[in-house]
């Protein structure tokens, strides 16, 4: 145990052990062996963190007294510091969740843009003067922070998805308690060393690590938490939503997905093949936006599947720290077992695995949790592998005969996070963008995100939006002020 890195939580600006002194191991998905010890937080730690955040945001506090411009400059300073630390943070992410260094090196540099963007937006939150219909009355609105925000972050892209929540929450003037996934807490704790160097006031940003029932739910249920920003599964999201509702908390939720990637006969086939591979096998399929359902025109079905299998079969698996690796391990053991179970379910349902369909035993995969990129044909949209989120490198191929069937099949799902459309017909592209029930529709591209563009889901894929200028209001509340200039108070028994 002595060779494992021993992390601490951050509460009120101090690096602390859990109240109980207990820890748990963080495992490297490539070696399946522990590499770090993480504090096992509990309700006592949550209480301390929330109280620290509450005090840090109260009137008269250093954070509350800062001008919006000063607050924004501090957030932008954090963005600059993250650029300098991007390579170090990328390596921690790879150690902890097994994502590719090739992707994380780019992603950890890009996440700084959220802090730059929302830092710049901090002093551009403007109210309005309303030309009210009442005489002798001045009416205006202002936007104010909600208070303490709970940021609950998943294991697949911890720092990026944290930035989507933390940057706007801070820009709006809130204070924050972060609860990272128990599978990937290390990068968030490394991130906090940079927060400390930048010089945020004590208690503005706190981190409690631990498990959902012991730390996550006490955070959601805490009476001094005003908002919960959560990314994760729709099942967990439902539990959090119900708990938050008891206390009338604000919520933003980005939940599951079973996104369709629609390929029409007029599409550029080679580009569409690359887009489908990107949608499901990049990040080992461990993204909410994974294009896990391929809807392909039956006229090009066989040709397309042949080219798709040929390209996917060339994917290089192995050490995620190698820049040449294209498919890395599954992040944790329970998810690894879940993916393999779904592959068995697909076979039992009658689908045919034309590629993969087994755990990976290649020598270059070592002892890690690897699953071969898997493509199922003969899939019906009612099958479990087409309806349920697998969150792994498993693709279901479903043919369609015409545009109406494509739209019906694409929308015949409880999720609505994203969709892809591959066509050279502009009219078809516009119609699909209009009729697909998804928060994001990509046309002739896939898996593109930006701090400037709103992101979120329809149906059971979530509530609210992340990123983009307008979504900062998800972290604000509006106050309306009425000022009478009348020299005499009118009849007090009549509504003005």
Protein backbone atom coordinates (compact mmCIF):
# COMPACT_ATOMS: atom_id res chain seq x y z
CA UNK A 1 0.00 0.00 0.00
CA UNK A 2 2.91 2.37 0.65
CA UNK A 3 3.63 2.82 -3.06
CA UNK A 4 0.11 4.07 -3.78
CA UNK A 5 -0.42 7.81 -4.16
CA UNK A 6 -2.43 9.05 -1.18
CA UNK A 7 -4.87 11.83 -2.06
CA UNK A 8 -6.80 14.19 0.22
CA UNK A 9 -10.09 16.03 -0.17
CA UNK A 10 -10.44 19.80 -0.21
CA UNK A 11 -12.79 21.46 2.28
CA UNK A 12 -12.66 25.19 3.01
CA UNK A 13 -9.30 25.51 1.33
CA UNK A 14 -7.67 22.76 3.41
CA UNK A 15 -6.42 19.36 2.22
CA UNK A 16 -8.06 16.87 4.57
CA UNK A 17 -8.61 13.17 5.11
CA UNK A 18 -12.15 11.89 5.39
CA UNK A 19 -13.81 12.36 8.75
CA UNK A 20 -13.60 8.60 9.31
CA UNK A 21 -10.02 8.36 8.08
CA UNK A 22 -11.10 5.63 5.64
CA UNK A 23 -9.85 5.40 2.06
CA UNK A 24 -10.57 3.28 -1.02
CA UNK A 25 -8.42 2.23 -3.95
CA UNK A 26 -8.52 3.74 -7.41
CA UNK A 27 -7.72 1.15 -10.09
CA UNK A 28 -5.83 1.61 -13.35
CA UNK A 29 -8.10 0.13 -16.08
CA UNK A 30 -5.13 -0.93 -18.19
CA UNK A 31 -3.43 -2.95 -15.46
CA UNK A 32 -6.53 -3.69 -13.32
CA UNK A 33 -4.36 -2.83 -10.31
CA UNK A 34 -4.65 -0.05 -7.71
CA UNK A 35 -2.47 3.02 -8.14
CA UNK A 36 -3.95 5.57 -5.70
CA UNK A 37 -5.85 5.90 -2.42
CA UNK A 38 -8.89 8.19 -2.28
CA UNK A 39 -10.59 9.49 0.89
CA UNK A 40 -13.89 7.77 1.60
CA UNK A 41 -16.15 10.71 2.37
CA UNK A 42 -19.38 10.57 4.34
CA UNK A 43 -22.23 12.83 5.43
CA UNK A 44 -19.94 14.49 7.97
CA UNK A 45 -17.56 15.52 5.19
CA UNK A 46 -20.45 16.71 3.03
CA UNK A 47 -21.81 18.79 5.89
CA UNK A 48 -18.42 20.43 6.41
CA UNK A 49 -17.98 21.14 2.69
CA UNK A 50 -21.46 22.59 2.21
CA UNK A 51 -21.09 24.75 5.30
CA UNK A 52 -17.77 26.05 3.97
CA UNK A 53 -19.35 26.84 0.59
CA UNK A 54 -22.33 28.48 2.29
CA UNK A 55 -20.12 30.75 4.39
CA UNK A 56 -17.89 31.59 1.39
CA UNK A 57 -20.88 32.88 -0.55
CA UNK A 58 -22.61 34.89 2.16
CA UNK A 59 -22.89 38.70 1.97
CA UNK A 60 -19.69 40.29 3.22
CA UNK A 61 -17.50 37.34 2.24
CA UNK A 62 -14.50 37.87 0.00
CA UNK A 63 -16.17 36.03 -2.90
CA UNK A 64 -19.48 37.84 -2.55
CA UNK A 65 -17.74 41.21 -2.33
CA UNK A 66 -15.76 40.73 -5.54
CA UNK A 67 -16.99 42.62 -8.59
CA UNK A 68 -18.20 40.48 -11.47
CA UNK A 69 -15.18 41.63 -13.49
CA UNK A 70 -12.76 40.57 -10.75
CA UNK A 71 -14.50 37.23 -10.39
CA UNK A 72 -14.36 36.70 -14.15
CA UNK A 73 -10.65 37.55 -14.26
CA UNK A 74 -9.96 34.93 -11.58
CA UNK A 75 -11.87 32.29 -13.54
CA UNK A 76 -9.91 33.18 -16.68
CA UNK A 77 -6.69 32.94 -14.69
CA UNK A 78 -7.72 29.38 -13.84
CA UNK A 79 -8.16 28.70 -17.56
CA UNK A 80 -4.66 29.95 -18.29
CA UNK A 81 -3.21 27.79 -15.51
CA UNK A 82 -5.02 24.74 -16.86
CA UNK A 83 -3.36 25.18 -20.24
CA UNK A 84 0.05 24.97 -18.57
CA UNK A 85 -0.98 21.87 -16.60
CA UNK A 86 -2.86 20.11 -19.42
CA UNK A 87 -0.27 17.39 -20.10
CA UNK A 88 -0.01 16.48 -16.43
CA UNK A 89 -3.80 16.35 -16.02
CA UNK A 90 -4.14 14.25 -19.19
CA UNK A 91 -1.80 11.60 -17.79
CA UNK A 92 -3.78 11.44 -14.54
CA UNK A 93 -7.02 11.03 -16.49
CA UNK A 94 -5.53 8.15 -18.47
CA UNK A 95 -4.24 6.43 -15.34
CA UNK A 96 -7.60 6.76 -13.65
CA UNK A 97 -10.14 6.08 -16.40
CA UNK A 98 -8.22 4.49 -19.27
CA UNK A 99 -9.10 7.02 -21.95
CA UNK A 100 -6.56 7.53 -24.69
CA UNK A 101 -3.68 9.92 -24.10
CA UNK A 102 -4.12 11.01 -27.73
CA UNK A 103 -7.61 12.29 -26.91
CA UNK A 104 -7.00 13.46 -23.35
CA UNK A 105 -4.01 15.57 -24.36
CA UNK A 106 -6.31 17.54 -26.66
CA UNK A 107 -9.30 17.48 -24.31
CA UNK A 108 -7.39 18.75 -21.28
CA UNK A 109 -6.14 21.71 -23.29
CA UNK A 110 -9.60 22.41 -24.67
CA UNK A 111 -11.40 22.34 -21.32
CA UNK A 112 -9.56 25.57 -20.42
CA UNK A 113 -11.79 27.31 -22.97
CA UNK A 114 -14.85 26.84 -20.72
CA UNK A 115 -13.14 28.85 -17.99
CA UNK A 116 -11.99 31.49 -20.47
CA UNK A 117 -15.44 31.79 -22.03
CA UNK A 118 -17.51 31.91 -18.85
CA UNK A 119 -14.92 34.04 -17.08
CA UNK A 120 -15.46 36.56 -19.86
CA UNK A 121 -19.22 36.24 -19.45
CA UNK A 122 -19.20 36.92 -15.69
CA UNK A 123 -19.56 40.70 -16.02
CA UNK A 124 -22.00 40.54 -18.92
CA UNK A 125 -24.95 39.23 -16.94
CA UNK A 126 -27.42 42.05 -17.36
CA UNK A 127 -30.88 42.70 -16.03
CA UNK A 128 -33.50 44.86 -17.70
CA UNK A 129 -35.59 47.95 -17.17
CA UNK A 130 -39.21 47.12 -17.93
CA UNK A 131 -41.50 49.86 -19.34
CA UNK A 132 -44.17 48.80 -16.89
CA UNK A 133 -47.85 49.59 -17.43
CA UNK A 134 -48.25 51.16 -13.96
CA UNK A 135 -48.01 54.94 -13.49
CA UNK A 136 -45.39 56.43 -11.16
CA UNK A 137 -43.52 53.12 -11.04
CA UNK A 138 -39.97 52.11 -11.92
CA UNK A 139 -39.52 48.38 -12.56
CA UNK A 140 -36.29 46.49 -13.21
CA UNK A 141 -34.79 43.00 -12.95
CA UNK A 142 -31.44 41.64 -11.78
CA UNK A 143 -29.89 38.18 -11.90
CA UNK A 144 -28.39 36.75 -8.71
CA UNK A 145 -26.49 33.54 -7.88
CA UNK A 146 -28.42 30.56 -6.54
CA UNK A 147 -26.04 29.83 -3.68
CA UNK A 148 -24.30 26.49 -3.15
CA UNK A 149 -24.14 24.30 -6.26
CA UNK A 150 -23.46 20.56 -6.09
CA UNK A 151 -21.49 19.37 -9.14
CA UNK A 152 -21.77 15.59 -9.46
CA UNK A 153 -19.41 14.35 -12.17
CA UNK A 154 -19.23 10.95 -13.96
CA UNK A 155 -16.21 8.78 -14.65
CA UNK A 156 -15.96 8.94 -18.43
CA UNK A 157 -14.65 12.53 -18.88
CA UNK A 158 -14.24 13.91 -15.35
CA UNK A 159 -12.43 17.19 -15.94
CA UNK A 160 -14.25 18.17 -19.12
CA UNK A 161 -17.70 17.50 -17.67
CA UNK A 162 -16.68 19.27 -14.47
CA UNK A 163 -15.75 22.34 -16.52
CA UNK A 164 -19.22 22.34 -18.10
CA UNK A 165 -20.67 22.83 -14.59
CA UNK A 166 -18.00 24.60 -12.58
CA UNK A 167 -17.15 27.40 -15.02
CA UNK A 168 -20.71 28.79 -15.36
CA UNK A 169 -21.49 28.17 -11.69
CA UNK A 170 -18.52 30.33 -10.65
CA UNK A 171 -19.17 32.95 -13.32
CA UNK A 172 -22.68 33.34 -11.95
CA UNK A 173 -21.24 33.95 -8.48
CA UNK A 174 -22.13 30.65 -6.83
CA UNK A 175 -19.95 28.54 -4.55
CA UNK A 176 -19.47 24.85 -5.26
CA UNK A 177 -19.09 21.39 -3.76
CA UNK A 178 -17.80 18.83 -6.25
CA UNK A 179 -18.50 15.10 -5.92
CA UNK A 180 -16.46 13.18 -8.54
CA UNK A 181 -17.12 9.55 -9.39
CA UNK A 182 -15.60 7.06 -6.98
CA UNK A 183 -13.93 5.46 -10.02
CA UNK A 184 -12.17 8.63 -11.18
CA UNK A 185 -11.55 11.06 -8.35
CA UNK A 186 -7.81 11.60 -8.80
CA UNK A 187 -7.89 14.09 -11.69
CA UNK A 188 -10.34 16.34 -9.85
CA UNK A 189 -8.08 16.37 -6.79
CA UNK A 190 -5.08 17.15 -9.01
CA UNK A 191 -7.17 19.93 -10.55
CA UNK A 192 -7.66 21.40 -7.08
CA UNK A 193 -3.91 21.98 -6.73
CA UNK A 194 -4.23 24.40 -9.64
CA UNK A 195 -7.29 26.05 -8.09
CA UNK A 196 -5.22 26.58 -4.95
CA UNK A 197 -2.34 28.14 -6.91
CA UNK A 198 -4.70 30.50 -8.74
CA UNK A 199 -5.93 31.89 -5.43
CA UNK A 200 -9.68 31.36 -5.12
CA UNK A 201 -11.05 32.40 -1.72
CA UNK A 202 -11.34 29.61 0.83
CA UNK A 203 -14.51 27.58 0.60
CA UNK A 204 -15.55 28.71 -2.86
CA UNK A 205 -14.60 25.34 -4.44
CA UNK A 206 -14.71 22.18 -2.31
CA UNK A 207 -14.31 18.50 -3.20
CA UNK A 208 -15.77 15.53 -1.32
CA UNK A 209 -14.81 12.09 -2.64
CA UNK A 210 -16.59 8.85 -1.91
CA UNK A 211 -19.53 6.72 -2.93
CA UNK A 212 -23.00 7.71 -4.04
CA UNK A 213 -25.02 6.55 -1.05
CA UNK A 214 -22.50 7.79 1.52
CA UNK A 215 -21.48 11.13 -0.01
CA UNK A 216 -23.49 11.77 -3.16
CA UNK A 217 -27.03 11.58 -1.79
CA UNK A 218 -26.23 13.52 1.42
CA UNK A 219 -24.92 16.27 -0.85
CA UNK A 220 -28.06 16.24 -3.01
CA UNK A 221 -30.31 16.26 0.07
CA UNK A 222 -28.44 18.93 2.01
CA UNK A 223 -30.77 21.83 2.85
CA UNK A 224 -28.13 24.45 2.02
CA UNK A 225 -27.51 23.15 -1.52
CA UNK A 226 -29.56 25.24 -3.95
CA UNK A 227 -28.79 23.43 -7.20
CA UNK A 228 -27.61 20.02 -8.37
CA UNK A 229 -25.74 19.74 -11.68
CA UNK A 230 -25.44 16.06 -12.55
CA UNK A 231 -24.14 13.98 -15.44
CA UNK A 232 -24.67 10.23 -15.39
CA UNK A 233 -27.18 7.47 -16.03
CA UNK A 234 -30.90 8.14 -16.29
CA UNK A 235 -31.57 5.70 -13.44
CA UNK A 236 -29.30 7.56 -11.02
CA UNK A 237 -30.56 10.86 -12.40
CA UNK A 238 -34.13 9.87 -11.56
CA UNK A 239 -33.20 9.17 -7.93
CA UNK A 240 -31.36 12.49 -7.68
CA UNK A 241 -34.25 14.35 -9.30
CA UNK A 242 -36.71 12.93 -6.77
CA UNK A 243 -34.43 13.77 -3.85
CA UNK A 244 -33.84 17.31 -5.14
CA UNK A 245 -37.57 17.84 -5.64
CA UNK A 246 -38.24 17.30 -1.93
CA UNK A 247 -36.29 20.49 -1.23
CA UNK A 248 -37.33 22.36 -4.41
CA UNK A 249 -33.74 22.51 -5.67
CA UNK A 250 -32.78 23.65 -9.14
CA UNK A 251 -31.39 20.85 -11.30
CA UNK A 252 -29.46 20.40 -14.51
CA UNK A 253 -29.12 16.84 -15.71
CA UNK A 254 -27.32 15.34 -18.69
CA UNK A 255 -28.32 11.71 -18.68
CA UNK A 256 -28.24 8.62 -20.89
CA UNK A 257 -28.36 8.25 -24.63
CA UNK A 258 -28.94 5.69 -27.34
CA UNK A 259 -28.20 7.98 -30.24
CA UNK A 260 -29.03 7.05 -33.84
CA UNK A 261 -26.54 7.64 -36.65
CA UNK A 262 -28.58 7.76 -39.87
CA UNK A 263 -26.82 6.95 -43.16
CA UNK A 264 -28.74 7.58 -46.37
CA UNK A 265 -28.01 6.11 -49.79
CA UNK A 266 -26.80 9.45 -51.16
CA UNK A 267 -24.22 9.92 -48.38
CA UNK A 268 -20.48 10.04 -48.94
CA UNK A 269 -19.99 6.44 -47.86
CA UNK A 270 -16.35 6.64 -46.82
CA UNK A 271 -16.92 9.71 -44.68
CA UNK A 272 -20.03 8.16 -43.16
CA UNK A 273 -18.09 5.02 -42.23
CA UNK A 274 -15.52 7.17 -40.41
CA UNK A 275 -18.31 9.06 -38.69
CA UNK A 276 -19.96 5.88 -37.47
CA UNK A 277 -16.66 4.53 -36.16
CA UNK A 278 -16.04 7.82 -34.37
CA UNK A 279 -19.51 7.74 -32.89
CA UNK A 280 -19.26 4.32 -31.27
CA UNK A 281 -15.65 3.17 -30.96
CA UNK A 282 -13.94 6.43 -29.99
CA UNK A 283 -13.59 6.61 -26.18
CA UNK A 284 -14.39 2.86 -26.20
CA UNK A 285 -18.04 3.81 -26.63
CA UNK A 286 -18.11 5.26 -23.12
CA UNK A 287 -19.90 8.49 -23.95
CA UNK A 288 -23.52 9.54 -23.47
CA UNK A 289 -23.53 10.72 -27.09
CA UNK A 290 -22.29 7.39 -28.47
CA UNK A 291 -23.92 6.67 -31.83
CA UNK A 292 -24.80 3.17 -30.70
CA UNK A 293 -27.61 2.66 -33.22
CA UNK A 294 -26.63 2.71 -36.90
CA UNK A 295 -29.70 3.26 -39.08
CA UNK A 296 -28.66 2.60 -42.68
CA UNK A 297 -30.61 2.67 -45.94
CA UNK A 298 -31.29 -0.96 -46.88
CA UNK A 299 -30.10 -0.26 -50.46
CA UNK A 300 -26.54 0.28 -49.23
CA UNK A 301 -26.71 -1.88 -46.10
CA UNK A 302 -24.41 -4.69 -47.19
CA UNK A 303 -21.83 -2.43 -48.83
CA UNK A 304 -21.78 -0.09 -45.86
CA UNK A 305 -21.47 -2.83 -43.24
CA UNK A 306 -18.64 -4.43 -45.20
CA UNK A 307 -16.67 -1.18 -45.25
CA UNK A 308 -17.53 -0.46 -41.64
CA UNK A 309 -16.31 -3.84 -40.42
CA UNK A 310 -13.14 -3.51 -42.47
CA UNK A 311 -12.26 -0.15 -40.89
CA UNK A 312 -13.29 -1.05 -37.34
CA UNK A 313 -11.26 -4.26 -37.51
CA UNK A 314 -8.07 -2.22 -37.95
CA UNK A 315 -8.51 -0.41 -34.62
CA UNK A 316 -5.37 -0.68 -32.52
CA UNK A 317 -6.04 -1.74 -28.94
CA UNK A 318 -3.66 -1.57 -26.02
CA UNK A 319 -1.95 0.80 -23.63
CA UNK A 320 -3.94 4.07 -23.51
CA UNK A 321 -0.71 5.92 -22.69
CA UNK A 322 0.53 5.12 -26.21
CA UNK A 323 -0.35 7.74 -28.82
CA UNK A 324 -0.82 4.96 -31.37
CA UNK A 325 -3.63 3.25 -29.44
CA UNK A 326 -7.14 3.77 -30.84
CA UNK A 327 -9.32 1.73 -28.48
CA UNK A 328 -8.50 1.63 -24.79
CA UNK A 329 -9.89 -0.31 -21.84
CA UNK A 330 -13.28 0.00 -20.18
CA UNK A 331 -12.97 2.31 -17.19
CA UNK A 332 -14.11 -0.02 -14.41
CA UNK A 333 -14.82 -3.66 -13.74
CA UNK A 334 -18.61 -3.39 -13.22
CA UNK A 335 -18.96 -1.59 -16.55
CA UNK A 336 -16.75 -4.19 -18.25
CA UNK A 337 -19.00 -6.99 -17.00
CA UNK A 338 -22.11 -5.05 -18.02
CA UNK A 339 -20.89 -4.67 -21.61
CA UNK A 340 -20.09 -8.36 -21.91
CA UNK A 341 -23.53 -9.20 -20.49
CA UNK A 342 -25.17 -7.03 -23.14
CA UNK A 343 -23.18 -8.76 -25.86
CA UNK A 344 -24.57 -12.08 -24.63
CA UNK A 345 -28.07 -10.56 -24.58
CA UNK A 346 -27.65 -9.44 -28.20
CA UNK A 347 -26.71 -12.94 -29.28
CA UNK A 348 -29.63 -14.42 -27.35
CA UNK A 349 -31.99 -11.96 -29.05
CA UNK A 350 -30.90 -13.27 -32.44
CA UNK A 351 -28.55 -10.53 -33.57
CA UNK A 352 -25.35 -11.54 -35.39
CA UNK A 353 -21.96 -10.27 -34.24
CA UNK A 354 -20.19 -9.62 -37.56
CA UNK A 355 -17.26 -8.13 -35.66
CA UNK A 356 -16.04 -8.75 -32.13
CA UNK A 357 -18.64 -9.94 -29.69
CA UNK A 358 -16.08 -11.11 -27.14
CA UNK A 359 -13.69 -9.75 -24.54
CA UNK A 360 -10.31 -8.78 -25.95
CA UNK A 361 -7.48 -11.20 -25.23
CA UNK A 362 -4.82 -9.61 -27.41
CA UNK A 363 -1.36 -9.61 -25.78
CA UNK A 364 -1.19 -5.82 -26.03
CA UNK A 365 -4.27 -5.56 -23.79
CA UNK A 366 -2.45 -7.07 -20.83
CA UNK A 367 -4.60 -7.59 -17.74
CA UNK A 368 -6.91 -4.67 -18.48
CA UNK A 369 -10.65 -4.59 -19.05
CA UNK A 370 -10.87 -4.65 -22.84
CA UNK A 371 -13.81 -5.51 -25.08
CA UNK A 372 -13.37 -6.10 -28.81
CA UNK A 373 -15.16 -3.48 -30.95
CA UNK A 374 -18.47 -5.19 -31.66
CA UNK A 375 -20.92 -4.76 -34.53
CA UNK A 376 -24.32 -6.50 -34.49
CA UNK A 377 -26.44 -6.89 -37.63
CA UNK A 378 -29.95 -8.31 -37.88
CA UNK A 379 -31.01 -5.97 -35.06
CA UNK A 380 -34.64 -4.98 -34.53
CA UNK A 381 -35.25 -1.66 -32.82
CA UNK A 382 -37.27 -3.39 -30.10
CA UNK A 383 -34.30 -5.50 -28.97
CA UNK A 384 -32.67 -4.63 -25.66
CA UNK A 385 -29.33 -3.95 -27.34
CA UNK A 386 -31.11 -1.29 -29.44
CA UNK A 387 -33.16 0.23 -26.63
CA UNK A 388 -30.90 0.18 -23.56
CA UNK A 389 -27.72 2.18 -23.04
CA UNK A 390 -24.74 -0.19 -23.06
CA UNK A 391 -22.03 2.48 -22.70
CA UNK A 392 -19.39 0.48 -24.50
CA UNK A 393 -18.01 -0.36 -27.95
CA UNK A 394 -21.16 -2.15 -29.17
CA UNK A 395 -23.01 -1.04 -32.32
CA UNK A 396 -26.48 -2.17 -33.41
CA UNK A 397 -27.13 -1.97 -37.17
CA UNK A 398 -30.77 -1.44 -38.20
CA UNK A 399 -31.82 -1.09 -41.87
CA UNK A 400 -34.58 1.26 -43.03
CA UNK A 401 -36.51 1.45 -46.32
CA UNK A 402 -37.37 5.16 -46.56
CA UNK A 403 -37.06 8.49 -44.76
CA UNK A 404 -40.26 8.07 -42.76
CA UNK A 405 -39.15 4.72 -41.39
CA UNK A 406 -35.75 6.18 -40.55
CA UNK A 407 -37.34 9.01 -38.56
CA UNK A 408 -39.77 6.69 -36.79
CA UNK A 409 -37.05 4.23 -35.81
CA UNK A 410 -34.67 6.98 -34.70
CA UNK A 411 -37.30 8.53 -32.43
CA UNK A 412 -38.68 5.23 -31.13
CA UNK A 413 -36.58 5.36 -27.95
CA UNK A 414 -36.82 6.81 -24.44
CA UNK A 415 -33.67 8.87 -25.01
CA UNK A 416 -33.03 11.99 -27.07
CA UNK A 417 -29.51 13.22 -26.44
CA UNK A 418 -28.02 13.30 -29.94
CA UNK A 419 -28.36 12.08 -33.52
CA UNK A 420 -26.19 11.97 -36.63
CA UNK A 421 -27.30 12.35 -40.25
CA UNK A 422 -25.19 11.47 -43.27
CA UNK A 423 -26.56 12.79 -46.57
CA UNK A 424 -25.63 15.12 -49.43
CA UNK A 425 -29.25 16.19 -49.88
CA UNK A 426 -29.70 19.60 -48.21
CA UNK A 427 -33.48 19.31 -48.04
CA UNK A 428 -33.27 15.90 -46.37
CA UNK A 429 -30.68 17.22 -43.92
CA UNK A 430 -32.95 20.11 -42.91
CA UNK A 431 -36.00 17.88 -42.53
CA UNK A 432 -34.07 15.40 -40.40
CA UNK A 433 -32.70 18.18 -38.19
CA UNK A 434 -36.27 19.39 -37.65
CA UNK A 435 -37.93 16.04 -36.99
CA UNK A 436 -35.33 14.11 -35.00
CA UNK A 437 -36.09 14.22 -31.27
CA UNK A 438 -32.63 15.05 -29.97
CA UNK A 439 -30.91 17.93 -28.24
CA UNK A 440 -28.02 17.83 -30.71
CA UNK A 441 -28.17 16.85 -34.38
CA UNK A 442 -24.90 16.47 -36.26
CA UNK A 443 -25.05 16.48 -40.07
CA UNK A 444 -22.10 14.94 -41.91
CA UNK A 445 -20.07 14.99 -38.70
CA UNK A 446 -20.30 13.42 -35.25
CA UNK A 447 -19.10 13.89 -31.67
CA UNK A 448 -18.34 17.61 -31.93
CA UNK A 449 -18.83 19.86 -28.87
CA UNK A 450 -17.98 23.46 -28.03
CA UNK A 451 -18.15 25.79 -25.04
CA UNK A 452 -20.12 28.14 -27.32
CA UNK A 453 -22.90 25.68 -28.24
CA UNK A 454 -25.66 24.46 -25.86
CA UNK A 455 -25.70 20.76 -25.05
CA UNK A 456 -28.42 18.66 -23.46
CA UNK A 457 -31.14 16.15 -24.12
CA UNK A 458 -34.78 15.55 -24.93
CA UNK A 459 -36.96 13.01 -23.11
CA UNK A 460 -35.07 10.88 -20.54
CA UNK A 461 -31.73 12.24 -21.70
CA UNK A 462 -31.92 15.14 -19.31
CA UNK A 463 -33.13 18.51 -18.12
CA UNK A 464 -31.59 21.86 -18.95
CA UNK A 465 -28.51 22.66 -21.00
CA UNK A 466 -24.77 22.99 -20.54
CA UNK A 467 -22.42 25.30 -22.48
CA UNK A 468 -23.40 28.27 -24.59
CA UNK A 469 -24.11 31.83 -23.56
CA UNK A 470 -27.74 31.43 -22.53
CA UNK A 471 -27.21 28.49 -20.18
CA UNK A 472 -25.52 30.61 -17.51
CA UNK A 473 -29.08 31.41 -16.45
CA UNK A 474 -29.28 27.78 -15.27
CA UNK A 475 -27.07 28.99 -12.40
CA UNK A 476 -28.90 32.26 -11.70
CA UNK A 477 -32.22 33.36 -10.27
CA UNK A 478 -34.11 36.46 -11.37
CA UNK A 479 -35.23 39.20 -9.00
CA UNK A 480 -37.77 41.84 -9.94
CA UNK A 481 -37.68 45.25 -8.19
CA UNK A 482 -40.62 47.70 -8.04
CA UNK A 483 -40.03 51.34 -7.01
CA UNK A 484 -42.95 53.69 -6.61
CA UNK A 485 -42.41 57.40 -7.26
CA UNK A 486 -45.99 58.29 -6.33
CA UNK A 487 -46.46 61.02 -3.71
CA UNK A 488 -49.45 59.25 -2.20
CA UNK A 489 -50.13 55.56 -1.54
CA UNK A 490 -53.32 54.54 -3.39
CA UNK A 491 -56.17 52.47 -1.95
CA UNK A 492 -54.41 49.71 0.08
CA UNK A 493 -57.30 47.31 -0.39
CA UNK A 494 -56.96 47.17 -4.19
CA UNK A 495 -54.30 45.35 -6.18
CA UNK A 496 -52.17 47.90 -7.96
